[in-house]
Amino acid sequence: MSLEPIYLRFENTSPPHRKFYEVEVELSLFYPKRLVRRWGRIGCRRPRSLRRVISDPDELARQVELIARLREQHGYQTVAEVRSLVIASSAA
């Protein structure tokens, strides 16, 4: 069992503008799941977004971790994080 992030929000409030970046895993009963990314200025009405279908759960976890690492390198700070319990299935 492990905790997998299903929603992350990053904010960069340093001048000259305040911006945010969100990563969300849209939940479903079965894979493939969709990785949704949203970004823009804080308070904007219609942020830009990108959706990507990922069928491999390991690849999904790698993508979320990569995005989190890149946002932190670009000066963003994590302000919200929601994790979900994942039970690893083993092939017998």
C-alpha atoms as a PDB file:
ATOM      1  CA  MET A   1       0.000   0.000   0.000  1.00  0.00           C
ATOM      2  CA  SER A   2       1.162   3.504  -0.770  1.00  0.00           C
ATOM      3  CA  LEU A   3      -0.205   7.010  -0.902  1.00  0.00           C
ATOM      4  CA  GLU A   4      -0.475   8.362  -4.437  1.00  0.00           C
ATOM      5  CA  PRO A   5      -1.055  12.076  -5.092  1.00  0.00           C
ATOM      6  CA  ILE A   6      -4.302  12.728  -6.942  1.00  0.00           C
ATOM      7  CA  TYR A   7      -4.349  16.545  -6.643  1.00  0.00           C
ATOM      8  CA  LEU A   8      -1.494  19.018  -6.279  1.00  0.00           C
ATOM      9  CA  ARG A   9      -1.623  22.826  -6.386  1.00  0.00           C
ATOM     10  CA  PHE A  10       1.458  24.981  -6.709  1.00  0.00           C
ATOM     11  CA  GLU A  11       1.661  28.764  -6.482  1.00  0.00           C
ATOM     12  CA  ASN A  12       4.370  31.248  -7.332  1.00  0.00           C
ATOM     13  CA  THR A  13       3.573  34.601  -5.744  1.00  0.00           C
ATOM     14  CA  SER A  14       6.853  36.349  -6.504  1.00  0.00           C
ATOM     15  CA  PRO A  15       6.631  39.554  -8.556  1.00  0.00           C
ATOM     16  CA  PRO A  16       5.757  40.479 -11.296  1.00  0.00           C
ATOM     17  CA  HIS A  17       2.653  38.242 -11.293  1.00  0.00           C
ATOM     18  CA  ARG A  18       0.962  35.661  -9.142  1.00  0.00           C
ATOM     19  CA  LYS A  19       0.476  32.339 -10.908  1.00  0.00           C
ATOM     20  CA  PHE A  20      -0.642  28.801 -10.130  1.00  0.00           C
ATOM     21  CA  TYR A  21      -0.258  25.296 -11.512  1.00  0.00           C
ATOM     22  CA  GLU A  22      -2.543  22.342 -10.691  1.00  0.00           C
ATOM     23  CA  VAL A  23      -2.116  18.635 -11.363  1.00  0.00           C
ATOM     24  CA  GLU A  24      -5.073  16.289 -10.934  1.00  0.00           C
ATOM     25  CA  VAL A  25      -5.602  12.605 -11.615  1.00  0.00           C
ATOM     26  CA  GLU A  26      -9.208  12.092 -12.680  1.00  0.00           C
ATOM     27  CA  LEU A  27     -10.425   9.037 -10.840  1.00  0.00           C
ATOM     28  CA  SER A  28     -12.273   6.169 -12.460  1.00  0.00           C
ATOM     29  CA  LEU A  29     -12.905   2.550 -11.629  1.00  0.00           C
ATOM     30  CA  PHE A  30     -10.526   1.326 -14.294  1.00  0.00           C
ATOM     31  CA  TYR A  31      -7.367   2.460 -16.028  1.00  0.00           C
ATOM     32  CA  PRO A  32      -6.642   4.374 -18.184  1.00  0.00           C
ATOM     33  CA  LYS A  33      -6.871   7.473 -16.048  1.00  0.00           C
ATOM     34  CA  ARG A  34      -6.535  11.059 -17.163  1.00  0.00           C
ATOM     35  CA  LEU A  35      -3.859  13.433 -15.967  1.00  0.00           C
ATOM     36  CA  VAL A  36      -5.245  16.980 -15.955  1.00  0.00           C
ATOM     37  CA  ARG A  37      -2.967  20.009 -15.724  1.00  0.00           C
ATOM     38  CA  ARG A  38      -4.229  23.581 -15.269  1.00  0.00           C
ATOM     39  CA  TRP A  39      -2.209  26.783 -15.060  1.00  0.00           C
ATOM     40  CA  GLY A  40      -2.564  30.541 -15.198  1.00  0.00           C
ATOM     41  CA  ARG A  41      -2.628  33.654 -13.094  1.00  0.00           C
ATOM     42  CA  ILE A  42      -4.249  33.426  -9.678  1.00  0.00           C
ATOM     43  CA  GLY A  43      -7.817  34.659  -9.955  1.00  0.00           C
ATOM     44  CA  CYS A  44      -8.181  34.179 -13.713  1.00  0.00           C
ATOM     45  CA  ARG A  45     -11.582  33.027 -14.921  1.00  0.00           C
ATOM     46  CA  ARG A  46     -10.498  30.464 -17.481  1.00  0.00           C
ATOM     47  CA  PRO A  47      -7.103  28.876 -16.819  1.00  0.00           C
ATOM     48  CA  ARG A  48      -5.347  26.984 -19.570  1.00  0.00           C
ATOM     49  CA  SER A  49      -5.563  23.209 -19.276  1.00  0.00           C
ATOM     50  CA  LEU A  50      -4.227  20.029 -20.805  1.00  0.00           C
ATOM     51  CA  ARG A  51      -5.600  16.485 -20.452  1.00  0.00           C
ATOM     52  CA  ARG A  52      -3.636  13.333 -21.166  1.00  0.00           C
ATOM     53  CA  VAL A  53      -4.797   9.705 -20.973  1.00  0.00           C
ATOM     54  CA  ILE A  54      -2.231   7.436 -19.317  1.00  0.00           C
ATOM     55  CA  SER A  55      -2.900   3.704 -19.170  1.00  0.00           C
ATOM     56  CA  ASP A  56       0.094   2.611 -17.070  1.00  0.00           C
ATOM     57  CA  PRO A  57      -0.210   3.430 -13.328  1.00  0.00           C
ATOM     58  CA  ASP A  58       3.575   3.544 -12.906  1.00  0.00           C
ATOM     59  CA  GLU A  59       3.894   6.033 -15.759  1.00  0.00           C
ATOM     60  CA  LEU A  60       1.134   8.130 -14.204  1.00  0.00           C
ATOM     61  CA  ALA A  61       2.996   8.274 -10.881  1.00  0.00           C
ATOM     62  CA  ARG A  62       6.252   9.180 -12.684  1.00  0.00           C
ATOM     63  CA  GLN A  63       4.534  12.013 -14.573  1.00  0.00           C
ATOM     64  CA  VAL A  64       3.035  13.494 -11.404  1.00  0.00           C
ATOM     65  CA  GLU A  65       6.398  13.377  -9.617  1.00  0.00           C
ATOM     66  CA  LEU A  66       8.185  14.894 -12.634  1.00  0.00           C
ATOM     67  CA  ILE A  67       5.695  17.772 -12.826  1.00  0.00           C
ATOM     68  CA  ALA A  68       6.029  18.399  -9.076  1.00  0.00           C
ATOM     69  CA  ARG A  69       9.824  18.466  -9.310  1.00  0.00           C
ATOM     70  CA  LEU A  70       9.773  20.863 -12.291  1.00  0.00           C
ATOM     71  CA  ARG A  71       7.324  23.248 -10.604  1.00  0.00           C
ATOM     72  CA  GLU A  72       9.538  23.429  -7.513  1.00  0.00           C
ATOM     73  CA  GLN A  73      12.591  24.118  -9.689  1.00  0.00           C
ATOM     74  CA  HIS A  74      10.703  27.034 -11.260  1.00  0.00           C
ATOM     75  CA  GLY A  75      10.003  28.669  -7.896  1.00  0.00           C
ATOM     76  CA  TYR A  76       6.541  27.299  -7.151  1.00  0.00           C
ATOM     77  CA  GLN A  77       5.547  26.171  -3.665  1.00  0.00           C
ATOM     78  CA  THR A  78       3.086  23.375  -2.893  1.00  0.00           C
ATOM     79  CA  VAL A  79      -0.028  24.865  -1.278  1.00  0.00           C
ATOM     80  CA  ALA A  80      -2.476  21.944  -1.527  1.00  0.00           C
ATOM     81  CA  GLU A  81      -2.017  18.210  -1.784  1.00  0.00           C
ATOM     82  CA  VAL A  82      -4.553  15.378  -1.717  1.00  0.00           C
ATOM     83  CA  ARG A  83      -3.381  11.788  -1.673  1.00  0.00           C
ATOM     84  CA  SER A  84      -5.233   8.528  -2.238  1.00  0.00           C
ATOM     85  CA  LEU A  85      -4.456   5.119  -0.806  1.00  0.00           C
ATOM     86  CA  VAL A  86      -3.259   2.739  -3.520  1.00  0.00           C
ATOM     87  CA  ILE A  87      -3.022  -0.999  -2.934  1.00  0.00           C
ATOM     88  CA  ALA A  88      -0.380  -2.553  -5.136  1.00  0.00           C
ATOM     89  CA  SER A  89      -1.653  -5.667  -6.882  1.00  0.00           C
ATOM     90  CA  SER A  90       0.808  -8.479  -7.453  1.00  0.00           C
ATOM     91  CA  ALA A  91       0.489 -11.078 -10.163  1.00  0.00           C
ATOM     92  CA  ALA A  92       0.503 -14.538  -8.619  1.00  0.00           C
END
